[in-house]
Amino acid sequence: MQDIFSMLSALHRPQLMMRAARIGAENYRRSSHLPRLLGYGVLPRHSAALLRLMEIEAVLEDERKRADAGYSLIRHIDVLIAMVGEARVLRAVNAAPRSVT
């Protein structure tokens, strides 16, 4: 099984979409973005949220490629923003030194 960062690096999306997502991720706020995308309630841990966002994004990517009439570019970018934001936080959390007590 691949780790979550390998799965993210394997994704290939149009450059303009990813540029928009990276710019949008600068203003990413987990408490306001995630409930809108994942549903209201207790927010999941970063890795669980990222996996769920990746599932949603895969459906959106399929709709985009099929030129589905119900496809929303705005929603797709919104999900990508959340994915980039969650990945940044998860990477920072994993890189932080752990204290031993």
PDB file of N, CA and C in Angstrom:
ATOM      1  N   MET A   1       0.837  -1.189   0.000  1.00  0.00           N
ATOM      2  CA  MET A   1       0.000   0.000   0.000  1.00  0.00           C
ATOM      3  C   MET A   1       0.880   1.249   0.000  1.00  0.00           C
ATOM      4  N   GLN A   2       0.505   2.211  -0.805  1.00  0.00           N
ATOM      5  CA  GLN A   2       1.262   3.462  -0.891  1.00  0.00           C
ATOM      6  C   GLN A   2       0.953   4.346   0.303  1.00  0.00           C
ATOM      7  N   ASP A   3       1.938   5.145   0.693  1.00  0.00           N
ATOM      8  CA  ASP A   3       1.638   6.130   1.726  1.00  0.00           C
ATOM      9  C   ASP A   3       0.926   7.313   1.076  1.00  0.00           C
ATOM     10  N   ILE A   4       0.371   8.164   1.903  1.00  0.00           N
ATOM     11  CA  ILE A   4      -0.492   9.234   1.407  1.00  0.00           C
ATOM     12  C   ILE A   4       0.258  10.233   0.531  1.00  0.00           C
ATOM     13  N   PHE A   5       1.528  10.496   0.853  1.00  0.00           N
ATOM     14  CA  PHE A   5       2.293  11.449   0.051  1.00  0.00           C
ATOM     15  C   PHE A   5       2.663  10.865  -1.310  1.00  0.00           C
ATOM     16  N   SER A   6       2.880   9.566  -1.393  1.00  0.00           N
ATOM     17  CA  SER A   6       3.126   8.914  -2.679  1.00  0.00           C
ATOM     18  C   SER A   6       1.878   8.990  -3.543  1.00  0.00           C
ATOM     19  N   MET A   7       0.731   8.787  -2.917  1.00  0.00           N
ATOM     20  CA  MET A   7      -0.538   8.863  -3.648  1.00  0.00           C
ATOM     21  C   MET A   7      -0.754  10.269  -4.192  1.00  0.00           C
ATOM     22  N   LEU A   8      -0.415  11.272  -3.396  1.00  0.00           N
ATOM     23  CA  LEU A   8      -0.566  12.660  -3.850  1.00  0.00           C
ATOM     24  C   LEU A   8       0.387  12.983  -4.990  1.00  0.00           C
ATOM     25  N   SER A   9       1.618  12.533  -4.892  1.00  0.00           N
ATOM     26  CA  SER A   9       2.585  12.841  -5.946  1.00  0.00           C
ATOM     27  C   SER A   9       2.246  12.125  -7.248  1.00  0.00           C
ATOM     28  N   ALA A  10       1.487  11.050  -7.173  1.00  0.00           N
ATOM     29  CA  ALA A  10       1.092  10.308  -8.373  1.00  0.00           C
ATOM     30  C   ALA A  10      -0.056  10.995  -9.118  1.00  0.00           C
ATOM     31  N   LEU A  11      -0.726  11.942  -8.467  1.00  0.00           N
ATOM     32  CA  LEU A  11      -1.828  12.648  -9.133  1.00  0.00           C
ATOM     33  C   LEU A  11      -1.273  13.634 -10.153  1.00  0.00           C
ATOM     34  N   HIS A  12      -1.862  13.641 -11.333  1.00  0.00           N
ATOM     35  CA  HIS A  12      -1.460  14.579 -12.378  1.00  0.00           C
ATOM     36  C   HIS A  12      -2.698  15.330 -12.837  1.00  0.00           C
ATOM     37  N   ARG A  13      -2.718  16.599 -12.522  1.00  0.00           N
ATOM     38  CA  ARG A  13      -3.842  17.442 -12.879  1.00  0.00           C
ATOM     39  C   ARG A  13      -3.334  18.604 -13.724  1.00  0.00           C
ATOM     40  N   PRO A  14      -4.226  19.269 -14.471  1.00  0.00           N
ATOM     41  CA  PRO A  14      -3.796  20.404 -15.291  1.00  0.00           C
ATOM     42  C   PRO A  14      -3.055  21.454 -14.451  1.00  0.00           C
ATOM     43  N   GLN A  15      -2.008  21.991 -15.039  1.00  0.00           N
ATOM     44  CA  GLN A  15      -1.135  22.929 -14.342  1.00  0.00           C
ATOM     45  C   GLN A  15      -1.896  24.148 -13.821  1.00  0.00           C
ATOM     46  N   LEU A  16      -2.815  24.657 -14.596  1.00  0.00           N
ATOM     47  CA  LEU A  16      -3.561  25.842 -14.176  1.00  0.00           C
ATOM     48  C   LEU A  16      -4.438  25.552 -12.963  1.00  0.00           C
ATOM     49  N   MET A  17      -5.030  24.361 -12.921  1.00  0.00           N
ATOM     50  CA  MET A  17      -5.848  23.983 -11.764  1.00  0.00           C
ATOM     51  C   MET A  17      -4.985  23.895 -10.507  1.00  0.00           C
ATOM     52  N   MET A  18      -3.813  23.282 -10.631  1.00  0.00           N
ATOM     53  CA  MET A  18      -2.935  23.134  -9.476  1.00  0.00           C
ATOM     54  C   MET A  18      -2.366  24.479  -9.028  1.00  0.00           C
ATOM     55  N   ARG A  19      -2.105  25.348  -9.963  1.00  0.00           N
ATOM     56  CA  ARG A  19      -1.630  26.685  -9.601  1.00  0.00           C
ATOM     57  C   ARG A  19      -2.703  27.417  -8.799  1.00  0.00           C
ATOM     58  N   ALA A  20      -3.934  27.332  -9.265  1.00  0.00           N
ATOM     59  CA  ALA A  20      -5.050  27.957  -8.539  1.00  0.00           C
ATOM     60  C   ALA A  20      -5.196  27.347  -7.148  1.00  0.00           C
ATOM     61  N   ALA A  21      -5.032  26.023  -7.049  1.00  0.00           N
ATOM     62  CA  ALA A  21      -5.159  25.342  -5.754  1.00  0.00           C
ATOM     63  C   ALA A  21      -4.058  25.782  -4.793  1.00  0.00           C
ATOM     64  N   ARG A  22      -2.831  25.898  -5.283  1.00  0.00           N
ATOM     65  CA  ARG A  22      -1.730  26.331  -4.415  1.00  0.00           C
ATOM     66  C   ARG A  22      -1.930  27.754  -3.927  1.00  0.00           C
ATOM     67  N   ILE A  23      -2.395  28.619  -4.810  1.00  0.00           N
ATOM     68  CA  ILE A  23      -2.661  30.007  -4.412  1.00  0.00           C
ATOM     69  C   ILE A  23      -3.795  30.040  -3.400  1.00  0.00           C
ATOM     70  N   GLY A  24      -4.862  29.305  -3.657  1.00  0.00           N
ATOM     71  CA  GLY A  24      -5.998  29.256  -2.745  1.00  0.00           C
ATOM     72  C   GLY A  24      -5.640  28.665  -1.401  1.00  0.00           C
ATOM     73  N   ALA A  25      -4.701  27.722  -1.378  1.00  0.00           N
ATOM     74  CA  ALA A  25      -4.307  27.059  -0.129  1.00  0.00           C
ATOM     75  C   ALA A  25      -3.629  28.020   0.841  1.00  0.00           C
ATOM     76  N   GLU A  26      -3.145  29.142   0.335  1.00  0.00           N
ATOM     77  CA  GLU A  26      -2.540  30.151   1.221  1.00  0.00           C
ATOM     78  C   GLU A  26      -3.568  30.682   2.219  1.00  0.00           C
ATOM     79  N   ASN A  27      -4.831  30.687   1.830  1.00  0.00           N
ATOM     80  CA  ASN A  27      -5.910  31.184   2.701  1.00  0.00           C
ATOM     81  C   ASN A  27      -6.780  30.052   3.233  1.00  0.00           C
ATOM     82  N   TYR A  28      -6.288  28.824   3.159  1.00  0.00           N
ATOM     83  CA  TYR A  28      -7.052  27.663   3.602  1.00  0.00           C
ATOM     84  C   TYR A  28      -7.262  27.702   5.114  1.00  0.00           C
ATOM     85  N   ARG A  29      -8.508  27.553   5.516  1.00  0.00           N
ATOM     86  CA  ARG A  29      -8.872  27.472   6.930  1.00  0.00           C
ATOM     87  C   ARG A  29      -9.679  26.206   7.118  1.00  0.00           C
ATOM     88  N   ARG A  30      -9.070  25.258   7.772  1.00  0.00           N
ATOM     89  CA  ARG A  30      -9.651  23.935   7.980  1.00  0.00           C
ATOM     90  C   ARG A  30     -11.057  24.010   8.562  1.00  0.00           C
ATOM     91  N   SER A  31     -11.240  24.863   9.565  1.00  0.00           N
ATOM     92  CA  SER A  31     -12.519  24.937  10.281  1.00  0.00           C
ATOM     93  C   SER A  31     -13.666  25.440   9.405  1.00  0.00           C
ATOM     94  N   SER A  32     -13.365  26.185   8.367  1.00  0.00           N
ATOM     95  CA  SER A  32     -14.450  26.672   7.508  1.00  0.00           C
ATOM     96  C   SER A  32     -14.531  25.911   6.180  1.00  0.00           C
ATOM     97  N   HIS A  33     -13.416  25.433   5.671  1.00  0.00           N
ATOM     98  CA  HIS A  33     -13.431  24.734   4.386  1.00  0.00           C
ATOM     99  C   HIS A  33     -13.899  23.281   4.493  1.00  0.00           C
ATOM    100  N   LEU A  34     -13.359  22.539   5.453  1.00  0.00           N
ATOM    101  CA  LEU A  34     -13.673  21.112   5.530  1.00  0.00           C
ATOM    102  C   LEU A  34     -15.146  20.799   5.774  1.00  0.00           C
ATOM    103  N   PRO A  35     -15.817  21.482   6.697  1.00  0.00           N
ATOM    104  CA  PRO A  35     -17.239  21.140   6.895  1.00  0.00           C
ATOM    105  C   PRO A  35     -18.064  21.292   5.614  1.00  0.00           C
ATOM    106  N   ARG A  36     -17.743  22.301   4.829  1.00  0.00           N
ATOM    107  CA  ARG A  36     -18.472  22.520   3.581  1.00  0.00           C
ATOM    108  C   ARG A  36     -18.240  21.376   2.597  1.00  0.00           C
ATOM    109  N   LEU A  37     -17.043  20.792   2.618  1.00  0.00           N
ATOM    110  CA  LEU A  37     -16.704  19.742   1.665  1.00  0.00           C
ATOM    111  C   LEU A  37     -17.018  18.335   2.173  1.00  0.00           C
ATOM    112  N   LEU A  38     -16.817  18.113   3.473  1.00  0.00           N
ATOM    113  CA  LEU A  38     -16.961  16.767   4.034  1.00  0.00           C
ATOM    114  C   LEU A  38     -18.230  16.575   4.844  1.00  0.00           C
ATOM    115  N   GLY A  39     -18.913  17.651   5.120  1.00  0.00           N
ATOM    116  CA  GLY A  39     -20.100  17.561   5.958  1.00  0.00           C
ATOM    117  C   GLY A  39     -19.808  18.107   7.339  1.00  0.00           C
ATOM    118  N   TYR A  40     -20.826  18.563   7.979  1.00  0.00           N
ATOM    119  CA  TYR A  40     -20.661  19.191   9.287  1.00  0.00           C
ATOM    120  C   TYR A  40     -20.575  18.146  10.385  1.00  0.00           C
ATOM    121  N   GLY A  41     -19.943  18.507  11.455  1.00  0.00           N
ATOM    122  CA  GLY A  41     -19.729  17.597  12.572  1.00  0.00           C
ATOM    123  C   GLY A  41     -18.284  17.706  13.017  1.00  0.00           C
ATOM    124  N   VAL A  42     -17.826  16.685  13.687  1.00  0.00           N
ATOM    125  CA  VAL A  42     -16.445  16.659  14.171  1.00  0.00           C
ATOM    126  C   VAL A  42     -15.502  16.525  12.979  1.00  0.00           C
ATOM    127  N   LEU A  43     -14.484  17.370  12.933  1.00  0.00           N
ATOM    128  CA  LEU A  43     -13.527  17.309  11.840  1.00  0.00           C
ATOM    129  C   LEU A  43     -12.626  16.085  11.994  1.00  0.00           C
ATOM    130  N   PRO A  44     -12.389  15.365  10.906  1.00  0.00           N
ATOM    131  CA  PRO A  44     -11.507  14.193  10.989  1.00  0.00           C
ATOM    132  C   PRO A  44     -10.049  14.616  11.130  1.00  0.00           C
ATOM    133  N   ARG A  45      -9.202  13.660  11.496  1.00  0.00           N
ATOM    134  CA  ARG A  45      -7.763  13.924  11.557  1.00  0.00           C
ATOM    135  C   ARG A  45      -7.280  14.296  10.157  1.00  0.00           C
ATOM    136  N   HIS A  46      -6.109  14.899  10.093  1.00  0.00           N
ATOM    137  CA  HIS A  46      -5.594  15.384   8.810  1.00  0.00           C
ATOM    138  C   HIS A  46      -5.487  14.280   7.763  1.00  0.00           C
ATOM    139  N   SER A  47      -4.949  13.129   8.129  1.00  0.00           N
ATOM    140  CA  SER A  47      -4.777  12.057   7.146  1.00  0.00           C
ATOM    141  C   SER A  47      -6.127  11.512   6.675  1.00  0.00           C
ATOM    142  N   ALA A  48      -7.067  11.358   7.585  1.00  0.00           N
ATOM    143  CA  ALA A  48      -8.393  10.870   7.213  1.00  0.00           C
ATOM    144  C   ALA A  48      -9.110  11.881   6.319  1.00  0.00           C
ATOM    145  N   ALA A  49      -8.971  13.154   6.647  1.00  0.00           N
ATOM    146  CA  ALA A  49      -9.590  14.199   5.826  1.00  0.00           C
ATOM    147  C   ALA A  49      -8.982  14.198   4.429  1.00  0.00           C
ATOM    148  N   LEU A  50      -7.668  14.051   4.363  1.00  0.00           N
ATOM    149  CA  LEU A  50      -6.993  14.057   3.076  1.00  0.00           C
ATOM    150  C   LEU A  50      -7.412  12.863   2.218  1.00  0.00           C
ATOM    151  N   LEU A  51      -7.535  11.703   2.819  1.00  0.00           N
ATOM    152  CA  LEU A  51      -7.991  10.524   2.066  1.00  0.00           C
ATOM    153  C   LEU A  51      -9.407  10.717   1.542  1.00  0.00           C
ATOM    154  N   ARG A  52     -10.279  11.268   2.356  1.00  0.00           N
ATOM    155  CA  ARG A  52     -11.662  11.523   1.930  1.00  0.00           C
ATOM    156  C   ARG A  52     -11.697  12.555   0.800  1.00  0.00           C
ATOM    157  N   LEU A  53     -10.883  13.604   0.928  1.00  0.00           N
ATOM    158  CA  LEU A  53     -10.808  14.627  -0.120  1.00  0.00           C
ATOM    159  C   LEU A  53     -10.285  14.024  -1.426  1.00  0.00           C
ATOM    160  N   MET A  54      -9.344  13.104  -1.330  1.00  0.00           N
ATOM    161  CA  MET A  54      -8.817  12.451  -2.524  1.00  0.00           C
ATOM    162  C   MET A  54      -9.890  11.609  -3.214  1.00  0.00           C
ATOM    163  N   GLU A  55     -10.753  10.978  -2.427  1.00  0.00           N
ATOM    164  CA  GLU A  55     -11.861  10.214  -3.009  1.00  0.00           C
ATOM    165  C   GLU A  55     -12.821  11.134  -3.751  1.00  0.00           C
ATOM    166  N   ILE A  56     -13.159  12.249  -3.117  1.00  0.00           N
ATOM    167  CA  ILE A  56     -14.064  13.223  -3.744  1.00  0.00           C
ATOM    168  C   ILE A  56     -13.441  13.771  -5.021  1.00  0.00           C
ATOM    169  N   GLU A  57     -12.149  14.087  -4.953  1.00  0.00           N
ATOM    170  CA  GLU A  57     -11.457  14.662  -6.100  1.00  0.00           C
ATOM    171  C   GLU A  57     -11.383  13.678  -7.257  1.00  0.00           C
ATOM    172  N   ALA A  58     -11.218  12.398  -6.965  1.00  0.00           N
ATOM    173  CA  ALA A  58     -11.167  11.387  -8.025  1.00  0.00           C
ATOM    174  C   ALA A  58     -12.488  11.344  -8.802  1.00  0.00           C
ATOM    175  N   VAL A  59     -13.594  11.480  -8.102  1.00  0.00           N
ATOM    176  CA  VAL A  59     -14.907  11.523  -8.766  1.00  0.00           C
ATOM    177  C   VAL A  59     -15.012  12.771  -9.632  1.00  0.00           C
ATOM    178  N   LEU A  60     -14.581  13.904  -9.087  1.00  0.00           N
ATOM    179  CA  LEU A  60     -14.620  15.154  -9.843  1.00  0.00           C
ATOM    180  C   LEU A  60     -13.724  15.087 -11.078  1.00  0.00           C
ATOM    181  N   GLU A  61     -12.556  14.474 -10.935  1.00  0.00           N
ATOM    182  CA  GLU A  61     -11.640  14.333 -12.071  1.00  0.00           C
ATOM    183  C   GLU A  61     -12.265  13.458 -13.154  1.00  0.00           C
ATOM    184  N   ASP A  62     -12.944  12.410 -12.765  1.00  0.00           N
ATOM    185  CA  ASP A  62     -13.631  11.551 -13.725  1.00  0.00           C
ATOM    186  C   ASP A  62     -14.715  12.336 -14.458  1.00  0.00           C
ATOM    187  N   GLU A  63     -15.480  13.135 -13.704  1.00  0.00           N
ATOM    188  CA  GLU A  63     -16.519  13.966 -14.325  1.00  0.00           C
ATOM    189  C   GLU A  63     -15.903  14.966 -15.297  1.00  0.00           C
ATOM    190  N   ARG A  64     -14.777  15.558 -14.914  1.00  0.00           N
ATOM    191  CA  ARG A  64     -14.103  16.536 -15.782  1.00  0.00           C
ATOM    192  C   ARG A  64     -13.678  15.878 -17.084  1.00  0.00           C
ATOM    193  N   LYS A  65     -13.063  14.714 -16.987  1.00  0.00           N
ATOM    194  CA  LYS A  65     -12.569  14.026 -18.182  1.00  0.00           C
ATOM    195  C   LYS A  65     -13.707  13.574 -19.096  1.00  0.00           C
ATOM    196  N   ARG A  66     -14.860  13.233 -18.514  1.00  0.00           N
ATOM    197  CA  ARG A  66     -16.011  12.805 -19.311  1.00  0.00           C
ATOM    198  C   ARG A  66     -16.839  13.989 -19.800  1.00  0.00           C
ATOM    199  N   ALA A  67     -16.452  15.209 -19.413  1.00  0.00           N
ATOM    200  CA  ALA A  67     -17.207  16.420 -19.745  1.00  0.00           C
ATOM    201  C   ALA A  67     -18.652  16.289 -19.274  1.00  0.00           C
ATOM    202  N   ASP A  68     -18.812  15.763 -18.069  1.00  0.00           N
ATOM    203  CA  ASP A  68     -20.125  15.563 -17.453  1.00  0.00           C
ATOM    204  C   ASP A  68     -20.831  16.910 -17.281  1.00  0.00           C
ATOM    205  N   ALA A  69     -22.116  16.942 -17.573  1.00  0.00           N
ATOM    206  CA  ALA A  69     -22.883  18.186 -17.465  1.00  0.00           C
ATOM    207  C   ALA A  69     -22.965  18.693 -16.027  1.00  0.00           C
ATOM    208  N   GLY A  70     -22.855  17.807 -15.059  1.00  0.00           N
ATOM    209  CA  GLY A  70     -22.942  18.211 -13.658  1.00  0.00           C
ATOM    210  C   GLY A  70     -21.614  18.609 -13.045  1.00  0.00           C
ATOM    211  N   TYR A  71     -20.535  18.571 -13.828  1.00  0.00           N
ATOM    212  CA  TYR A  71     -19.200  18.881 -13.321  1.00  0.00           C
ATOM    213  C   TYR A  71     -19.103  20.352 -12.938  1.00  0.00           C
ATOM    214  N   SER A  72     -18.492  20.599 -11.774  1.00  0.00           N
ATOM    215  CA  SER A  72     -18.283  21.974 -11.308  1.00  0.00           C
ATOM    216  C   SER A  72     -16.792  22.232 -11.132  1.00  0.00           C
ATOM    217  N   LEU A  73     -16.234  23.092 -11.971  1.00  0.00           N
ATOM    218  CA  LEU A  73     -14.832  23.452 -11.865  1.00  0.00           C
ATOM    219  C   LEU A  73     -14.553  24.137 -10.521  1.00  0.00           C
ATOM    220  N   ILE A  74     -15.473  24.959 -10.081  1.00  0.00           N
ATOM    221  CA  ILE A  74     -15.312  25.669  -8.808  1.00  0.00           C
ATOM    222  C   ILE A  74     -15.197  24.672  -7.660  1.00  0.00           C
ATOM    223  N   ARG A  75     -16.067  23.681  -7.630  1.00  0.00           N
ATOM    224  CA  ARG A  75     -15.999  22.662  -6.572  1.00  0.00           C
ATOM    225  C   ARG A  75     -14.693  21.878  -6.664  1.00  0.00           C
ATOM    226  N   HIS A  76     -14.275  21.550  -7.880  1.00  0.00           N
ATOM    227  CA  HIS A  76     -13.038  20.804  -8.071  1.00  0.00           C
ATOM    228  C   HIS A  76     -11.849  21.595  -7.521  1.00  0.00           C
ATOM    229  N   ILE A  77     -11.769  22.863  -7.842  1.00  0.00           N
ATOM    230  CA  ILE A  77     -10.690  23.715  -7.330  1.00  0.00           C
ATOM    231  C   ILE A  77     -10.788  23.808  -5.814  1.00  0.00           C
ATOM    232  N   ASP A  78     -11.980  23.927  -5.291  1.00  0.00           N
ATOM    233  CA  ASP A  78     -12.185  24.013  -3.842  1.00  0.00           C
ATOM    234  C   ASP A  78     -11.653  22.755  -3.142  1.00  0.00           C
ATOM    235  N   VAL A  79     -11.926  21.593  -3.719  1.00  0.00           N
ATOM    236  CA  VAL A  79     -11.433  20.331  -3.152  1.00  0.00           C
ATOM    237  C   VAL A  79      -9.911  20.271  -3.265  1.00  0.00           C
ATOM    238  N   LEU A  80      -9.363  20.699  -4.393  1.00  0.00           N
ATOM    239  CA  LEU A  80      -7.909  20.710  -4.558  1.00  0.00           C
ATOM    240  C   LEU A  80      -7.239  21.658  -3.551  1.00  0.00           C
ATOM    241  N   ILE A  81      -7.863  22.797  -3.305  1.00  0.00           N
ATOM    242  CA  ILE A  81      -7.342  23.732  -2.299  1.00  0.00           C
ATOM    243  C   ILE A  81      -7.270  23.040  -0.941  1.00  0.00           C
ATOM    244  N   ALA A  82      -8.343  22.364  -0.569  1.00  0.00           N
ATOM    245  CA  ALA A  82      -8.363  21.661   0.720  1.00  0.00           C
ATOM    246  C   ALA A  82      -7.320  20.552   0.748  1.00  0.00           C
ATOM    247  N   MET A  83      -7.142  19.850  -0.360  1.00  0.00           N
ATOM    248  CA  MET A  83      -6.132  18.792  -0.412  1.00  0.00           C
ATOM    249  C   MET A  83      -4.734  19.359  -0.204  1.00  0.00           C
ATOM    250  N   VAL A  84      -4.428  20.444  -0.889  1.00  0.00           N
ATOM    251  CA  VAL A  84      -3.108  21.069  -0.753  1.00  0.00           C
ATOM    252  C   VAL A  84      -2.925  21.578   0.676  1.00  0.00           C
ATOM    253  N   GLY A  85      -3.963  22.217   1.219  1.00  0.00           N
ATOM    254  CA  GLY A  85      -3.879  22.728   2.592  1.00  0.00           C
ATOM    255  C   GLY A  85      -3.675  21.624   3.612  1.00  0.00           C
ATOM    256  N   GLU A  86      -4.439  20.554   3.498  1.00  0.00           N
ATOM    257  CA  GLU A  86      -4.308  19.430   4.435  1.00  0.00           C
ATOM    258  C   GLU A  86      -2.947  18.746   4.280  1.00  0.00           C
ATOM    259  N   ALA A  87      -2.476  18.608   3.054  1.00  0.00           N
ATOM    260  CA  ALA A  87      -1.169  17.987   2.821  1.00  0.00           C
ATOM    261  C   ALA A  87      -0.059  18.824   3.447  1.00  0.00           C
ATOM    262  N   ARG A  88      -0.163  20.138   3.339  1.00  0.00           N
ATOM    263  CA  ARG A  88       0.846  21.011   3.946  1.00  0.00           C
ATOM    264  C   ARG A  88       0.862  20.851   5.463  1.00  0.00           C
ATOM    265  N   VAL A  89      -0.313  20.825   6.063  1.00  0.00           N
ATOM    266  CA  VAL A  89      -0.393  20.670   7.520  1.00  0.00           C
ATOM    267  C   VAL A  89       0.133  19.306   7.934  1.00  0.00           C
ATOM    268  N   LEU A  90      -0.261  18.276   7.226  1.00  0.00           N
ATOM    269  CA  LEU A  90       0.179  16.922   7.557  1.00  0.00           C
ATOM    270  C   LEU A  90       1.696  16.784   7.418  1.00  0.00           C
ATOM    271  N   ARG A  91       2.242  17.385   6.386  1.00  0.00           N
ATOM    272  CA  ARG A  91       3.692  17.351   6.182  1.00  0.00           C
ATOM    273  C   ARG A  91       4.408  18.072   7.327  1.00  0.00           C
ATOM    274  N   ALA A  92       3.850  19.212   7.750  1.00  0.00           N
ATOM    275  CA  ALA A  92       4.454  19.975   8.848  1.00  0.00           C
ATOM    276  C   ALA A  92       4.369  19.207  10.171  1.00  0.00           C
ATOM    277  N   VAL A  93       3.246  18.559  10.403  1.00  0.00           N
ATOM    278  CA  VAL A  93       3.069  17.775  11.624  1.00  0.00           C
ATOM    279  C   VAL A  93       4.049  16.601  11.647  1.00  0.00           C
ATOM    280  N   ASN A  94       4.230  15.937  10.508  1.00  0.00           N
ATOM    281  CA  ASN A  94       5.143  14.792  10.434  1.00  0.00           C
ATOM    282  C   ASN A  94       6.606  15.213  10.561  1.00  0.00           C
ATOM    283  N   ALA A  95       6.904  16.445  10.139  1.00  0.00           N
ATOM    284  CA  ALA A  95       8.282  16.930  10.187  1.00  0.00           C
ATOM    285  C   ALA A  95       8.653  17.490  11.568  1.00  0.00           C
ATOM    286  N   ALA A  96       7.644  17.812  12.367  1.00  0.00           N
ATOM    287  CA  ALA A  96       7.910  18.406  13.686  1.00  0.00           C
ATOM    288  C   ALA A  96       8.590  17.380  14.599  1.00  0.00           C
ATOM    289  N   PRO A  97       9.610  17.842  15.328  1.00  0.00           N
ATOM    290  CA  PRO A  97      10.275  16.912  16.253  1.00  0.00           C
ATOM    291  C   PRO A  97       9.335  16.509  17.384  1.00  0.00           C
ATOM    292  N   ARG A  98       9.416  15.274  17.770  1.00  0.00           N
ATOM    293  CA  ARG A  98       8.579  14.749  18.843  1.00  0.00           C
ATOM    294  C   ARG A  98       9.349  14.834  20.169  1.00  0.00           C
ATOM    295  N   SER A  99       8.665  15.272  21.196  1.00  0.00           N
ATOM    296  CA  SER A  99       9.317  15.348  22.506  1.00  0.00           C
ATOM    297  C   SER A  99       9.094  14.044  23.253  1.00  0.00           C
ATOM    298  N   VAL A 100      10.115  13.608  23.944  1.00  0.00           N
ATOM    299  CA  VAL A 100      10.037  12.396  24.729  1.00  0.00           C
ATOM    300  C   VAL A 100       9.994  12.796  26.194  1.00  0.00           C
ATOM    301  N   THR A 101       8.970  12.346  26.910  1.00  0.00           N
ATOM    302  CA  THR A 101       8.865  12.693  28.328  1.00  0.00           C
ATOM    303  C   THR A 101       8.925  11.480  29.197  1.00  0.00           C
TER     304      THR A 101
END
